[in-house]
Amino acid sequence: MTKEQKLKALRILQHYDSKAQMIKCCEELSELETAILQHISKGQCQDKILEEMADTYIMLEQLLCIMPFGDNILEDKINFKLDRQLQRIRGANDGTDNRIFHNTDTV
């Protein structure tokens, strides 16, 4: 997200209260979930997924403004989760991971 887009998202957040935007974030996440499931079952819903991804991305940016995370905490958590999943994949490929993997075993 560009600096200008972040400022616009912040202005919108300042207009509404934090609680309202947190609820809106949940709504947007649900709409994204629905769009993805529709794409899986029906296909050809890419425009709807893109629209809901944009809405969700905006709301997540606002959530970052609301939540009192310190510098780099989110990036550290993302790196941890990515590294952990890659380690699981490597373990599954070389037979050292004893867990049973299913399609739902991700990050």
N, C-alpha and C. Protein backbone atom coordinates (compact mmCIF):
# COMPACT_ATOMS: atom_id res chain seq x y z
N MET A 1 0.85 -1.17 0.00
CA MET A 1 0.00 0.00 0.00
C MET A 1 0.90 1.23 0.00
N THR A 2 0.57 2.18 -0.85
CA THR A 2 1.38 3.39 -0.93
C THR A 2 1.16 4.26 0.31
N LYS A 3 2.05 5.21 0.49
CA LYS A 3 1.92 6.14 1.62
C LYS A 3 0.61 6.92 1.52
N GLU A 4 0.27 7.35 0.32
CA GLU A 4 -0.98 8.10 0.11
C GLU A 4 -2.19 7.23 0.44
N GLN A 5 -2.16 5.96 0.03
CA GLN A 5 -3.27 5.06 0.35
C GLN A 5 -3.38 4.83 1.85
N LYS A 6 -2.24 4.70 2.53
CA LYS A 6 -2.26 4.54 3.99
C LYS A 6 -2.87 5.76 4.67
N LEU A 7 -2.54 6.95 4.18
CA LEU A 7 -3.10 8.17 4.75
C LEU A 7 -4.61 8.23 4.55
N LYS A 8 -5.08 7.81 3.38
CA LYS A 8 -6.51 7.79 3.12
C LYS A 8 -7.21 6.80 4.06
N ALA A 9 -6.61 5.63 4.24
CA ALA A 9 -7.18 4.63 5.14
C ALA A 9 -7.23 5.16 6.57
N LEU A 10 -6.20 5.89 6.96
CA LEU A 10 -6.16 6.48 8.31
C LEU A 10 -7.24 7.54 8.46
N ARG A 11 -7.45 8.37 7.43
CA ARG A 11 -8.51 9.38 7.49
C ARG A 11 -9.88 8.73 7.66
N ILE A 12 -10.10 7.63 6.94
CA ILE A 12 -11.37 6.91 7.07
C ILE A 12 -11.52 6.35 8.47
N LEU A 13 -10.44 5.76 8.99
CA LEU A 13 -10.45 5.23 10.36
C LEU A 13 -10.77 6.32 11.37
N GLN A 14 -10.20 7.50 11.19
CA GLN A 14 -10.43 8.60 12.12
C GLN A 14 -11.88 9.09 12.06
N HIS A 15 -12.53 8.92 10.93
CA HIS A 15 -13.93 9.34 10.79
C HIS A 15 -14.85 8.41 11.59
N TYR A 16 -14.56 7.12 11.52
CA TYR A 16 -15.35 6.12 12.26
C TYR A 16 -14.57 5.78 13.54
N ASP A 17 -15.18 5.09 14.45
CA ASP A 17 -14.42 4.70 15.64
C ASP A 17 -13.76 3.34 15.41
N SER A 18 -12.80 3.03 16.25
CA SER A 18 -12.01 1.80 16.10
C SER A 18 -12.88 0.55 16.14
N LYS A 19 -13.82 0.53 17.07
CA LYS A 19 -14.68 -0.65 17.20
C LYS A 19 -15.48 -0.88 15.92
N ALA A 20 -16.02 0.18 15.36
CA ALA A 20 -16.80 0.06 14.12
C ALA A 20 -15.93 -0.48 12.99
N GLN A 21 -14.69 -0.03 12.91
CA GLN A 21 -13.81 -0.49 11.84
C GLN A 21 -13.33 -1.92 12.07
N MET A 22 -13.21 -2.32 13.33
CA MET A 22 -12.86 -3.71 13.61
C MET A 22 -14.00 -4.64 13.19
N ILE A 23 -15.23 -4.23 13.44
CA ILE A 23 -16.39 -5.00 12.99
C ILE A 23 -16.43 -5.03 11.47
N LYS A 24 -16.16 -3.89 10.85
CA LYS A 24 -16.14 -3.82 9.37
C LYS A 24 -15.05 -4.73 8.81
N CYS A 25 -13.92 -4.82 9.49
CA CYS A 25 -12.84 -5.71 9.06
C CYS A 25 -13.34 -7.15 9.04
N CYS A 26 -14.05 -7.56 10.07
CA CYS A 26 -14.61 -8.92 10.12
C CYS A 26 -15.58 -9.15 8.96
N GLU A 27 -16.40 -8.15 8.67
CA GLU A 27 -17.34 -8.26 7.55
C GLU A 27 -16.60 -8.44 6.23
N GLU A 28 -15.55 -7.65 6.03
CA GLU A 28 -14.79 -7.74 4.78
C GLU A 28 -14.07 -9.08 4.66
N LEU A 29 -13.55 -9.58 5.77
CA LEU A 29 -12.91 -10.90 5.75
C LEU A 29 -13.92 -11.98 5.37
N SER A 30 -15.13 -11.87 5.89
CA SER A 30 -16.18 -12.83 5.57
C SER A 30 -16.56 -12.75 4.09
N GLU A 31 -16.63 -11.54 3.56
CA GLU A 31 -16.95 -11.37 2.14
C GLU A 31 -15.85 -11.95 1.25
N LEU A 32 -14.60 -11.80 1.67
CA LEU A 32 -13.49 -12.39 0.92
C LEU A 32 -13.60 -13.92 0.95
N GLU A 33 -13.89 -14.45 2.12
CA GLU A 33 -14.06 -15.90 2.25
C GLU A 33 -15.15 -16.40 1.30
N THR A 34 -16.27 -15.71 1.27
CA THR A 34 -17.37 -16.10 0.39
C THR A 34 -16.96 -16.05 -1.07
N ALA A 35 -16.25 -15.01 -1.46
CA ALA A 35 -15.80 -14.88 -2.85
C ALA A 35 -14.85 -16.01 -3.23
N ILE A 36 -13.95 -16.37 -2.32
CA ILE A 36 -13.01 -17.47 -2.59
C ILE A 36 -13.77 -18.79 -2.73
N LEU A 37 -14.71 -19.04 -1.82
CA LEU A 37 -15.48 -20.28 -1.89
C LEU A 37 -16.32 -20.34 -3.16
N GLN A 38 -16.87 -19.21 -3.59
CA GLN A 38 -17.62 -19.17 -4.85
C GLN A 38 -16.70 -19.48 -6.03
N HIS A 39 -15.49 -18.96 -5.97
CA HIS A 39 -14.53 -19.24 -7.04
C HIS A 39 -14.19 -20.73 -7.08
N ILE A 40 -14.01 -21.33 -5.92
CA ILE A 40 -13.69 -22.76 -5.86
C ILE A 40 -14.84 -23.59 -6.43
N SER A 41 -16.06 -23.23 -6.07
CA SER A 41 -17.20 -24.04 -6.50
C SER A 41 -17.70 -23.72 -7.90
N LYS A 42 -17.64 -22.45 -8.30
CA LYS A 42 -18.21 -22.04 -9.58
C LYS A 42 -17.17 -21.57 -10.59
N GLY A 43 -16.01 -21.13 -10.10
CA GLY A 43 -15.00 -20.56 -10.98
C GLY A 43 -15.39 -19.18 -11.48
N GLN A 44 -14.50 -18.54 -12.17
CA GLN A 44 -14.74 -17.26 -12.82
C GLN A 44 -15.26 -16.16 -11.89
N CYS A 45 -14.75 -16.09 -10.68
CA CYS A 45 -15.14 -15.03 -9.74
C CYS A 45 -13.92 -14.17 -9.38
N GLN A 46 -12.96 -14.10 -10.28
CA GLN A 46 -11.72 -13.40 -9.96
C GLN A 46 -11.94 -11.92 -9.68
N ASP A 47 -12.84 -11.28 -10.40
CA ASP A 47 -13.10 -9.85 -10.16
C ASP A 47 -13.64 -9.63 -8.76
N LYS A 48 -14.52 -10.51 -8.30
CA LYS A 48 -15.09 -10.39 -6.95
C LYS A 48 -14.01 -10.63 -5.90
N ILE A 49 -13.14 -11.60 -6.14
CA ILE A 49 -12.04 -11.85 -5.20
C ILE A 49 -11.14 -10.63 -5.12
N LEU A 50 -10.81 -10.04 -6.26
CA LEU A 50 -9.95 -8.85 -6.27
C LEU A 50 -10.60 -7.70 -5.50
N GLU A 51 -11.88 -7.49 -5.72
CA GLU A 51 -12.60 -6.43 -5.01
C GLU A 51 -12.57 -6.66 -3.50
N GLU A 52 -12.82 -7.90 -3.07
CA GLU A 52 -12.84 -8.20 -1.65
C GLU A 52 -11.43 -8.20 -1.04
N MET A 53 -10.44 -8.57 -1.83
CA MET A 53 -9.05 -8.47 -1.35
C MET A 53 -8.69 -7.02 -1.09
N ALA A 54 -9.09 -6.13 -1.98
CA ALA A 54 -8.81 -4.70 -1.79
C ALA A 54 -9.49 -4.18 -0.53
N ASP A 55 -10.77 -4.54 -0.35
CA ASP A 55 -11.49 -4.10 0.86
C ASP A 55 -10.79 -4.63 2.12
N THR A 56 -10.42 -5.91 2.09
CA THR A 56 -9.79 -6.54 3.24
C THR A 56 -8.42 -5.92 3.52
N TYR A 57 -7.67 -5.65 2.48
CA TYR A 57 -6.35 -5.04 2.64
C TYR A 57 -6.46 -3.68 3.32
N ILE A 58 -7.45 -2.90 2.90
CA ILE A 58 -7.67 -1.59 3.52
C ILE A 58 -8.00 -1.74 5.00
N MET A 59 -8.88 -2.69 5.29
CA MET A 59 -9.29 -2.89 6.67
C MET A 59 -8.13 -3.40 7.52
N LEU A 60 -7.30 -4.26 6.98
CA LEU A 60 -6.13 -4.74 7.72
C LEU A 60 -5.15 -3.60 7.98
N GLU A 61 -5.02 -2.70 7.03
CA GLU A 61 -4.16 -1.54 7.24
C GLU A 61 -4.70 -0.69 8.39
N GLN A 62 -6.02 -0.52 8.44
CA GLN A 62 -6.62 0.23 9.54
C GLN A 62 -6.43 -0.52 10.86
N LEU A 63 -6.53 -1.84 10.82
CA LEU A 63 -6.33 -2.64 12.04
C LEU A 63 -4.91 -2.46 12.57
N LEU A 64 -3.95 -2.33 11.68
CA LEU A 64 -2.58 -2.06 12.12
C LEU A 64 -2.47 -0.72 12.85
N CYS A 65 -3.29 0.24 12.44
CA CYS A 65 -3.31 1.54 13.14
C CYS A 65 -3.98 1.42 14.50
N ILE A 66 -4.96 0.55 14.61
CA ILE A 66 -5.71 0.39 15.86
C ILE A 66 -4.91 -0.39 16.90
N MET A 67 -4.27 -1.45 16.47
CA MET A 67 -3.58 -2.35 17.40
C MET A 67 -2.22 -1.78 17.77
N PRO A 68 -1.84 -1.86 19.03
CA PRO A 68 -0.59 -1.26 19.50
C PRO A 68 0.64 -2.16 19.31
N PHE A 69 0.86 -2.60 18.09
CA PHE A 69 2.04 -3.41 17.81
C PHE A 69 3.26 -2.50 17.68
N GLY A 70 4.38 -2.97 18.15
CA GLY A 70 5.62 -2.22 17.98
C GLY A 70 6.19 -2.42 16.58
N ASP A 71 7.26 -1.72 16.30
CA ASP A 71 7.91 -1.82 15.00
C ASP A 71 8.34 -3.26 14.71
N ASN A 72 8.08 -3.70 13.51
CA ASN A 72 8.53 -4.98 12.98
C ASN A 72 7.90 -6.21 13.63
N ILE A 73 6.98 -6.06 14.55
CA ILE A 73 6.38 -7.24 15.18
C ILE A 73 5.59 -8.05 14.16
N LEU A 74 4.81 -7.39 13.31
CA LEU A 74 4.05 -8.11 12.31
C LEU A 74 4.98 -8.80 11.32
N GLU A 75 6.02 -8.09 10.88
CA GLU A 75 6.97 -8.70 9.95
C GLU A 75 7.65 -9.91 10.58
N ASP A 76 7.99 -9.80 11.85
CA ASP A 76 8.61 -10.94 12.55
C ASP A 76 7.65 -12.13 12.61
N LYS A 77 6.38 -11.87 12.88
CA LYS A 77 5.38 -12.94 12.96
C LYS A 77 5.17 -13.57 11.58
N ILE A 78 5.15 -12.75 10.54
CA ILE A 78 5.02 -13.28 9.18
C ILE A 78 6.21 -14.16 8.84
N ASN A 79 7.41 -13.69 9.13
CA ASN A 79 8.60 -14.50 8.86
C ASN A 79 8.57 -15.81 9.62
N PHE A 80 8.17 -15.78 10.90
CA PHE A 80 8.08 -16.99 11.70
C PHE A 80 7.12 -17.99 11.06
N LYS A 81 5.95 -17.51 10.66
CA LYS A 81 4.94 -18.41 10.09
C LYS A 81 5.38 -18.96 8.73
N LEU A 82 5.99 -18.13 7.90
CA LEU A 82 6.48 -18.62 6.61
C LEU A 82 7.58 -19.66 6.79
N ASP A 83 8.53 -19.35 7.67
CA ASP A 83 9.63 -20.28 7.92
C ASP A 83 9.12 -21.59 8.51
N ARG A 84 8.17 -21.51 9.42
CA ARG A 84 7.63 -22.71 10.04
C ARG A 84 6.95 -23.60 9.00
N GLN A 85 6.16 -22.98 8.11
CA GLN A 85 5.48 -23.78 7.09
C GLN A 85 6.46 -24.40 6.11
N LEU A 86 7.49 -23.65 5.73
CA LEU A 86 8.52 -24.21 4.84
C LEU A 86 9.26 -25.36 5.51
N GLN A 87 9.49 -25.24 6.81
CA GLN A 87 10.13 -26.33 7.55
C GLN A 87 9.23 -27.56 7.56
N ARG A 88 7.94 -27.36 7.74
CA ARG A 88 6.99 -28.48 7.69
C ARG A 88 7.01 -29.16 6.32
N ILE A 89 7.05 -28.35 5.28
CA ILE A 89 7.08 -28.91 3.92
C ILE A 89 8.35 -29.71 3.71
N ARG A 90 9.49 -29.14 4.14
CA ARG A 90 10.75 -29.87 4.00
C ARG A 90 10.70 -31.18 4.79
N GLY A 91 10.15 -31.13 6.00
CA GLY A 91 10.05 -32.34 6.82
C GLY A 91 9.15 -33.39 6.19
N ALA A 92 8.06 -32.93 5.58
CA ALA A 92 7.15 -33.87 4.91
C ALA A 92 7.82 -34.49 3.69
N ASN A 93 8.63 -33.70 3.00
CA ASN A 93 9.31 -34.20 1.80
C ASN A 93 10.44 -35.16 2.11
N ASP A 94 11.12 -34.94 3.24
CA ASP A 94 12.26 -35.82 3.55
C ASP A 94 11.92 -36.88 4.58
N GLY A 95 10.66 -36.90 5.02
CA GLY A 95 10.21 -37.95 5.93
C GLY A 95 10.53 -37.73 7.39
N THR A 96 11.06 -36.56 7.76
CA THR A 96 11.41 -36.32 9.16
C THR A 96 10.25 -35.76 9.97
N ASP A 97 9.21 -35.33 9.30
CA ASP A 97 8.05 -34.79 10.01
C ASP A 97 7.05 -35.92 10.22
N ASN A 98 6.70 -36.18 11.45
CA ASN A 98 5.79 -37.27 11.78
C ASN A 98 4.33 -36.88 11.68
N ARG A 99 4.05 -35.59 11.46
CA ARG A 99 2.66 -35.16 11.38
C ARG A 99 2.04 -35.64 10.08
N ILE A 100 0.75 -35.91 10.12
CA ILE A 100 0.01 -36.26 8.92
C ILE A 100 -0.49 -34.96 8.32
N PHE A 101 -0.17 -34.72 7.05
CA PHE A 101 -0.55 -33.48 6.40
C PHE A 101 -1.83 -33.66 5.63
N HIS A 102 -2.65 -32.65 5.71
CA HIS A 102 -3.88 -32.57 4.92
C HIS A 102 -3.82 -31.22 4.21
N ASN A 103 -4.70 -31.03 3.26
CA ASN A 103 -4.73 -29.77 2.53
C ASN A 103 -4.99 -28.59 3.44
N THR A 104 -5.56 -28.82 4.62
CA THR A 104 -5.86 -27.71 5.53
C THR A 104 -4.69 -27.39 6.44
N ASP A 105 -3.64 -28.21 6.43
CA ASP A 105 -2.46 -27.95 7.28
C ASP A 105 -1.56 -26.93 6.61
N THR A 106 -1.82 -25.68 6.88
CA THR A 106 -0.99 -24.61 6.33
C THR A 106 -0.55 -23.71 7.46
N VAL A 107 -0.19 -22.50 7.12
CA VAL A 107 0.36 -21.54 8.06
C VAL A 107 -0.45 -21.54 9.32
